[in-house]
């Protein structure tokens, strides 16, 4: 069962990361079509039954950590409007305590 929790948490973490990165890109350029599309996709995911299923399987402390991390990223971006770092070069899954390995059997979440 632990592997399902890890997988569910990793899927949610990726969606949170994509959502934050889209928001940061839109702060830099409100007309960024790719960022608008990514934001719409992630928000649709967060409202879906699939997300509810994953959230029920994932570790609740990890979800709370992801939410705090996302809130902090947006808050920092607003405070440092001229220094917004974009997407994949800035934040990554390790930024909010999720660690994975190449071997899914060894994947785990940092405590």
C-alpha atoms as a PDB file:
ATOM      1  CA  UNK A   1       0.000   0.000   0.000  1.00  0.00           C
ATOM      2  CA  UNK A   2       2.913   2.359   0.695  1.00  0.00           C
ATOM      3  CA  UNK A   3       3.889   2.373  -3.000  1.00  0.00           C
ATOM      4  CA  UNK A   4       0.410   3.623  -3.929  1.00  0.00           C
ATOM      5  CA  UNK A   5       0.741   6.457  -1.419  1.00  0.00           C
ATOM      6  CA  UNK A   6       4.089   7.374  -2.929  1.00  0.00           C
ATOM      7  CA  UNK A   7       2.717   7.310  -6.466  1.00  0.00           C
ATOM      8  CA  UNK A   8      -0.370   9.321  -5.523  1.00  0.00           C
ATOM      9  CA  UNK A   9       1.800  11.885  -3.736  1.00  0.00           C
ATOM     10  CA  UNK A  10       4.174  12.159  -6.701  1.00  0.00           C
ATOM     11  CA  UNK A  11       1.316  12.744  -9.159  1.00  0.00           C
ATOM     12  CA  UNK A  12      -0.153  15.442  -6.928  1.00  0.00           C
ATOM     13  CA  UNK A  13       3.293  16.982  -6.393  1.00  0.00           C
ATOM     14  CA  UNK A  14       3.837  17.222 -10.141  1.00  0.00           C
ATOM     15  CA  UNK A  15       0.464  18.907 -10.613  1.00  0.00           C
ATOM     16  CA  UNK A  16       1.235  21.396  -7.837  1.00  0.00           C
ATOM     17  CA  UNK A  17       4.623  22.126  -9.382  1.00  0.00           C
ATOM     18  CA  UNK A  18       3.084  22.634 -12.825  1.00  0.00           C
ATOM     19  CA  UNK A  19       0.409  24.894 -11.345  1.00  0.00           C
ATOM     20  CA  UNK A  20       2.914  27.061  -9.470  1.00  0.00           C
ATOM     21  CA  UNK A  21       5.206  27.286 -12.491  1.00  0.00           C
ATOM     22  CA  UNK A  22       2.276  28.347 -14.691  1.00  0.00           C
ATOM     23  CA  UNK A  23       1.289  31.021 -12.180  1.00  0.00           C
ATOM     24  CA  UNK A  24       4.857  32.318 -11.987  1.00  0.00           C
ATOM     25  CA  UNK A  25       5.140  32.446 -15.782  1.00  0.00           C
ATOM     26  CA  UNK A  26       1.832  34.322 -15.985  1.00  0.00           C
ATOM     27  CA  UNK A  27       3.115  36.840 -13.444  1.00  0.00           C
ATOM     28  CA  UNK A  28       6.011  37.535 -15.791  1.00  0.00           C
ATOM     29  CA  UNK A  29       3.899  37.527 -18.946  1.00  0.00           C
ATOM     30  CA  UNK A  30       0.096  37.536 -18.584  1.00  0.00           C
ATOM     31  CA  UNK A  31      -0.257  36.702 -22.299  1.00  0.00           C
ATOM     32  CA  UNK A  32       1.751  33.456 -22.137  1.00  0.00           C
ATOM     33  CA  UNK A  33      -0.566  30.979 -23.902  1.00  0.00           C
ATOM     34  CA  UNK A  34       1.324  27.884 -22.712  1.00  0.00           C
ATOM     35  CA  UNK A  35       1.144  29.037 -19.101  1.00  0.00           C
ATOM     36  CA  UNK A  36      -2.586  29.775 -19.420  1.00  0.00           C
ATOM     37  CA  UNK A  37      -3.147  26.295 -20.827  1.00  0.00           C
ATOM     38  CA  UNK A  38      -1.066  24.656 -18.066  1.00  0.00           C
ATOM     39  CA  UNK A  39      -2.946  26.610 -15.408  1.00  0.00           C
ATOM     40  CA  UNK A  40      -6.315  25.555 -16.835  1.00  0.00           C
ATOM     41  CA  UNK A  41      -5.217  21.905 -17.034  1.00  0.00           C
ATOM     42  CA  UNK A  42      -3.947  21.785 -13.466  1.00  0.00           C
ATOM     43  CA  UNK A  43      -6.994  23.558 -12.070  1.00  0.00           C
ATOM     44  CA  UNK A  44      -9.241  21.117 -13.925  1.00  0.00           C
ATOM     45  CA  UNK A  45      -7.201  18.266 -12.439  1.00  0.00           C
ATOM     46  CA  UNK A  46      -7.600  19.662  -8.897  1.00  0.00           C
ATOM     47  CA  UNK A  47     -11.391  19.697  -9.395  1.00  0.00           C
ATOM     48  CA  UNK A  48     -11.529  16.171 -10.817  1.00  0.00           C
ATOM     49  CA  UNK A  49     -12.589  12.876  -9.295  1.00  0.00           C
ATOM     50  CA  UNK A  50      -9.136  11.537 -10.178  1.00  0.00           C
ATOM     51  CA  UNK A  51      -7.547  14.135  -7.893  1.00  0.00           C
ATOM     52  CA  UNK A  52      -9.985  13.258  -5.103  1.00  0.00           C
ATOM     53  CA  UNK A  53      -9.047   9.593  -5.459  1.00  0.00           C
ATOM     54  CA  UNK A  54      -5.328  10.378  -5.388  1.00  0.00           C
ATOM     55  CA  UNK A  55      -5.713  12.749  -2.442  1.00  0.00           C
ATOM     56  CA  UNK A  56      -7.552  10.042  -0.494  1.00  0.00           C
ATOM     57  CA  UNK A  57      -4.644   7.649  -1.103  1.00  0.00           C
ATOM     58  CA  UNK A  58      -1.809  10.141  -0.505  1.00  0.00           C
ATOM     59  CA  UNK A  59      -0.248  11.017   2.817  1.00  0.00           C
ATOM     60  CA  UNK A  60      -2.148  14.007   4.244  1.00  0.00           C
ATOM     61  CA  UNK A  61       0.990  15.596   5.715  1.00  0.00           C
ATOM     62  CA  UNK A  62       2.589  15.600   2.282  1.00  0.00           C
ATOM     63  CA  UNK A  63      -0.431  17.321   0.759  1.00  0.00           C
ATOM     64  CA  UNK A  64      -0.328  19.971   3.489  1.00  0.00           C
ATOM     65  CA  UNK A  65       3.403  20.436   2.846  1.00  0.00           C
ATOM     66  CA  UNK A  66       2.747  20.868  -0.871  1.00  0.00           C
ATOM     67  CA  UNK A  67       0.094  23.483  -0.204  1.00  0.00           C
ATOM     68  CA  UNK A  68       2.398  25.441   2.126  1.00  0.00           C
ATOM     69  CA  UNK A  69       5.209  25.226  -0.435  1.00  0.00           C
ATOM     70  CA  UNK A  70       2.970  26.463  -3.268  1.00  0.00           C
ATOM     71  CA  UNK A  71       1.652  29.333  -1.152  1.00  0.00           C
ATOM     72  CA  UNK A  72       5.200  30.321  -0.205  1.00  0.00           C
ATOM     73  CA  UNK A  73       6.371  30.257  -3.837  1.00  0.00           C
ATOM     74  CA  UNK A  74       3.583  32.591  -4.947  1.00  0.00           C
ATOM     75  CA  UNK A  75       4.055  34.868  -1.919  1.00  0.00           C
ATOM     76  CA  UNK A  76       7.798  35.133  -2.592  1.00  0.00           C
ATOM     77  CA  UNK A  77       7.177  35.836  -6.272  1.00  0.00           C
ATOM     78  CA  UNK A  78       4.817  38.671  -5.420  1.00  0.00           C
ATOM     79  CA  UNK A  79       7.305  40.138  -2.949  1.00  0.00           C
ATOM     80  CA  UNK A  80      10.170  39.804  -5.425  1.00  0.00           C
ATOM     81  CA  UNK A  81       8.227  40.627  -8.586  1.00  0.00           C
ATOM     82  CA  UNK A  82      11.369  41.422 -10.557  1.00  0.00           C
ATOM     83  CA  UNK A  83      13.090  38.208  -9.570  1.00  0.00           C
ATOM     84  CA  UNK A  84      10.509  35.551 -10.498  1.00  0.00           C
ATOM     85  CA  UNK A  85      12.324  32.408 -11.523  1.00  0.00           C
ATOM     86  CA  UNK A  86      10.660  30.497 -14.289  1.00  0.00           C
ATOM     87  CA  UNK A  87       9.522  26.904 -14.218  1.00  0.00           C
ATOM     88  CA  UNK A  88      11.797  23.956 -14.535  1.00  0.00           C
ATOM     89  CA  UNK A  89      14.965  25.908 -13.840  1.00  0.00           C
ATOM     90  CA  UNK A  90      13.580  27.234 -10.575  1.00  0.00           C
ATOM     91  CA  UNK A  91      11.368  24.916  -8.594  1.00  0.00           C
ATOM     92  CA  UNK A  92      11.330  21.148  -8.719  1.00  0.00           C
ATOM     93  CA  UNK A  93       9.829  18.271  -6.811  1.00  0.00           C
ATOM     94  CA  UNK A  94      12.775  18.222  -4.394  1.00  0.00           C
ATOM     95  CA  UNK A  95      11.982  21.828  -3.469  1.00  0.00           C
ATOM     96  CA  UNK A  96       9.065  20.716  -1.343  1.00  0.00           C
ATOM     97  CA  UNK A  97      10.432  17.558   0.196  1.00  0.00           C
ATOM     98  CA  UNK A  98       9.571  14.940  -2.411  1.00  0.00           C
ATOM     99  CA  UNK A  99      12.392  12.680  -3.483  1.00  0.00           C
ATOM    100  CA  UNK A 100      12.254   9.969  -6.079  1.00  0.00           C
ATOM    101  CA  UNK A 101      14.815   7.636  -7.582  1.00  0.00           C
ATOM    102  CA  UNK A 102      15.136   6.033 -10.992  1.00  0.00           C
ATOM    103  CA  UNK A 103      13.844   2.805  -9.454  1.00  0.00           C
ATOM    104  CA  UNK A 104      10.160   3.224  -8.466  1.00  0.00           C
ATOM    105  CA  UNK A 105      10.553   0.532  -5.790  1.00  0.00           C
ATOM    106  CA  UNK A 106      13.037   2.818  -4.014  1.00  0.00           C
ATOM    107  CA  UNK A 107      11.019   6.023  -4.334  1.00  0.00           C
ATOM    108  CA  UNK A 108      10.118   7.694  -1.075  1.00  0.00           C
ATOM    109  CA  UNK A 109       8.897  10.912   0.410  1.00  0.00           C
ATOM    110  CA  UNK A 110      11.228  12.918   2.627  1.00  0.00           C
ATOM    111  CA  UNK A 111       9.964  13.239   6.189  1.00  0.00           C
END
